[in-house]
Amino acid sequence: MQESSAGAITGLLPILLMSVFVAIAAHLLAKEKGRNVLKWTILGCIPFVNILCIWFFIGAANLKLERKIDELTALLHQSNAKP
């Protein structure tokens, strides 16, 4: 019985290590793109779901940059509206 539990842990070890690395990547990408960091870090810890998280971040828009562009556009419209 001891050998089978050790073999099971050894078999799960690569999946768990990969989940930790993907969770760290999801945390950093969520912070960089202005997303909910806690939610994406937790989703990054779940095996197989975490791969979908990374795929999401590859195509996701950067919300921080979008907010800055919106602010600049609003300032531009304000300056053009004043005579």
C-alpha atoms as a PDB file:
ATOM      1  CA  MET A   1       0.000   0.000   0.000  1.00  0.00           C
ATOM      2  CA  GLN A   2       2.870   2.359   0.705  1.00  0.00           C
ATOM      3  CA  GLU A   3       4.311   1.835  -2.754  1.00  0.00           C
ATOM      4  CA  SER A   4       1.048   2.578  -4.563  1.00  0.00           C
ATOM      5  CA  SER A   5       0.488   5.857  -2.711  1.00  0.00           C
ATOM      6  CA  ALA A   6       4.074   6.918  -3.382  1.00  0.00           C
ATOM      7  CA  GLY A   7       3.610   6.060  -7.051  1.00  0.00           C
ATOM      8  CA  ALA A   8       0.402   8.073  -7.201  1.00  0.00           C
ATOM      9  CA  ILE A   9       2.098  11.107  -5.689  1.00  0.00           C
ATOM     10  CA  THR A  10       5.011  10.733  -8.068  1.00  0.00           C
ATOM     11  CA  GLY A  11       2.591  10.533 -10.977  1.00  0.00           C
ATOM     12  CA  LEU A  12       0.769  13.704  -9.903  1.00  0.00           C
ATOM     13  CA  LEU A  13       3.932  15.663  -9.198  1.00  0.00           C
ATOM     14  CA  PRO A  14       4.461  16.928 -12.784  1.00  0.00           C
ATOM     15  CA  ILE A  15       0.842  18.099 -13.013  1.00  0.00           C
ATOM     16  CA  LEU A  16       1.087  19.892  -9.672  1.00  0.00           C
ATOM     17  CA  LEU A  17       4.376  21.574 -10.579  1.00  0.00           C
ATOM     18  CA  MET A  18       2.975  22.694 -13.907  1.00  0.00           C
ATOM     19  CA  SER A  19      -0.095  24.072 -12.135  1.00  0.00           C
ATOM     20  CA  VAL A  20       2.117  26.162  -9.847  1.00  0.00           C
ATOM     21  CA  PHE A  21       4.039  27.622 -12.788  1.00  0.00           C
ATOM     22  CA  VAL A  22       0.846  28.350 -14.724  1.00  0.00           C
ATOM     23  CA  ALA A  23      -0.734  29.931 -11.623  1.00  0.00           C
ATOM     24  CA  ILE A  24       2.255  32.266 -11.309  1.00  0.00           C
ATOM     25  CA  ALA A  25       2.008  33.141 -15.007  1.00  0.00           C
ATOM     26  CA  ALA A  26      -1.755  33.724 -14.695  1.00  0.00           C
ATOM     27  CA  HIS A  27      -1.161  35.961 -11.668  1.00  0.00           C
ATOM     28  CA  LEU A  28       1.395  38.081 -13.507  1.00  0.00           C
ATOM     29  CA  LEU A  29      -0.675  38.296 -16.694  1.00  0.00           C
ATOM     30  CA  ALA A  30      -3.827  39.231 -14.770  1.00  0.00           C
ATOM     31  CA  LYS A  31      -1.961  41.992 -12.976  1.00  0.00           C
ATOM     32  CA  GLU A  32      -0.459  43.265 -16.225  1.00  0.00           C
ATOM     33  CA  LYS A  33      -3.735  43.228 -18.151  1.00  0.00           C
ATOM     34  CA  GLY A  34      -5.870  44.767 -15.393  1.00  0.00           C
ATOM     35  CA  ARG A  35      -7.938  41.678 -14.594  1.00  0.00           C
ATOM     36  CA  ASN A  36      -9.081  40.270 -11.231  1.00  0.00           C
ATOM     37  CA  VAL A  37      -5.781  38.877  -9.924  1.00  0.00           C
ATOM     38  CA  LEU A  38      -7.169  36.603  -7.201  1.00  0.00           C
ATOM     39  CA  LYS A  39      -9.726  34.981  -9.485  1.00  0.00           C
ATOM     40  CA  TRP A  40      -7.240  34.270 -12.262  1.00  0.00           C
ATOM     41  CA  THR A  41      -4.596  32.995  -9.837  1.00  0.00           C
ATOM     42  CA  ILE A  42      -7.071  30.521  -8.353  1.00  0.00           C
ATOM     43  CA  LEU A  43      -8.162  29.410 -11.821  1.00  0.00           C
ATOM     44  CA  GLY A  44      -4.503  29.040 -12.731  1.00  0.00           C
ATOM     45  CA  CYS A  45      -4.058  26.533  -9.893  1.00  0.00           C
ATOM     46  CA  ILE A  46      -6.685  24.123 -11.239  1.00  0.00           C
ATOM     47  CA  PRO A  47      -5.116  21.526 -13.548  1.00  0.00           C
ATOM     48  CA  PHE A  48      -6.402  21.540 -17.156  1.00  0.00           C
ATOM     49  CA  VAL A  49      -8.480  24.683 -16.479  1.00  0.00           C
ATOM     50  CA  ASN A  50      -5.235  26.601 -16.189  1.00  0.00           C
ATOM     51  CA  ILE A  51      -4.346  25.905 -19.813  1.00  0.00           C
ATOM     52  CA  LEU A  52      -7.615  27.581 -20.842  1.00  0.00           C
ATOM     53  CA  CYS A  53      -6.688  30.554 -18.646  1.00  0.00           C
ATOM     54  CA  ILE A  54      -3.412  31.026 -20.484  1.00  0.00           C
ATOM     55  CA  TRP A  55      -5.194  30.769 -23.843  1.00  0.00           C
ATOM     56  CA  PHE A  56      -7.602  33.461 -22.635  1.00  0.00           C
ATOM     57  CA  PHE A  57      -4.767  35.796 -21.708  1.00  0.00           C
ATOM     58  CA  ILE A  58      -3.099  35.366 -25.068  1.00  0.00           C
ATOM     59  CA  GLY A  59      -6.105  36.926 -26.807  1.00  0.00           C
ATOM     60  CA  ALA A  60      -7.433  39.130 -24.011  1.00  0.00           C
ATOM     61  CA  ALA A  61      -7.317  42.883 -24.330  1.00  0.00           C
ATOM     62  CA  ASN A  62      -5.222  44.890 -21.927  1.00  0.00           C
ATOM     63  CA  LEU A  63      -7.802  46.743 -19.822  1.00  0.00           C
ATOM     64  CA  LYS A  64      -5.227  49.138 -18.364  1.00  0.00           C
ATOM     65  CA  LEU A  65      -4.231  50.326 -21.832  1.00  0.00           C
ATOM     66  CA  GLU A  66      -7.869  50.579 -22.925  1.00  0.00           C
ATOM     67  CA  ARG A  67      -8.632  52.836 -19.935  1.00  0.00           C
ATOM     68  CA  LYS A  68      -5.668  55.067 -20.788  1.00  0.00           C
ATOM     69  CA  ILE A  69      -6.770  55.303 -24.422  1.00  0.00           C
ATOM     70  CA  ASP A  70     -10.311  56.185 -23.305  1.00  0.00           C
ATOM     71  CA  GLU A  71      -8.958  58.940 -21.051  1.00  0.00           C
ATOM     72  CA  LEU A  72      -6.808  60.354 -23.847  1.00  0.00           C
ATOM     73  CA  THR A  73      -9.721  60.229 -26.277  1.00  0.00           C
ATOM     74  CA  ALA A  74     -11.943  62.060 -23.774  1.00  0.00           C
ATOM     75  CA  LEU A  75      -9.275  64.732 -23.284  1.00  0.00           C
ATOM     76  CA  LEU A  76      -8.911  65.113 -27.032  1.00  0.00           C
ATOM     77  CA  HIS A  77     -12.657  65.568 -27.464  1.00  0.00           C
ATOM     78  CA  GLN A  78     -12.718  68.121 -24.634  1.00  0.00           C
ATOM     79  CA  SER A  79      -9.912  70.139 -26.154  1.00  0.00           C
ATOM     80  CA  ASN A  80     -11.562  70.070 -29.607  1.00  0.00           C
ATOM     81  CA  ALA A  81     -14.944  71.101 -28.187  1.00  0.00           C
ATOM     82  CA  LYS A  82     -13.604  74.316 -26.616  1.00  0.00           C
ATOM     83  CA  PRO A  83     -13.364  77.232 -29.077  1.00  0.00           C
END
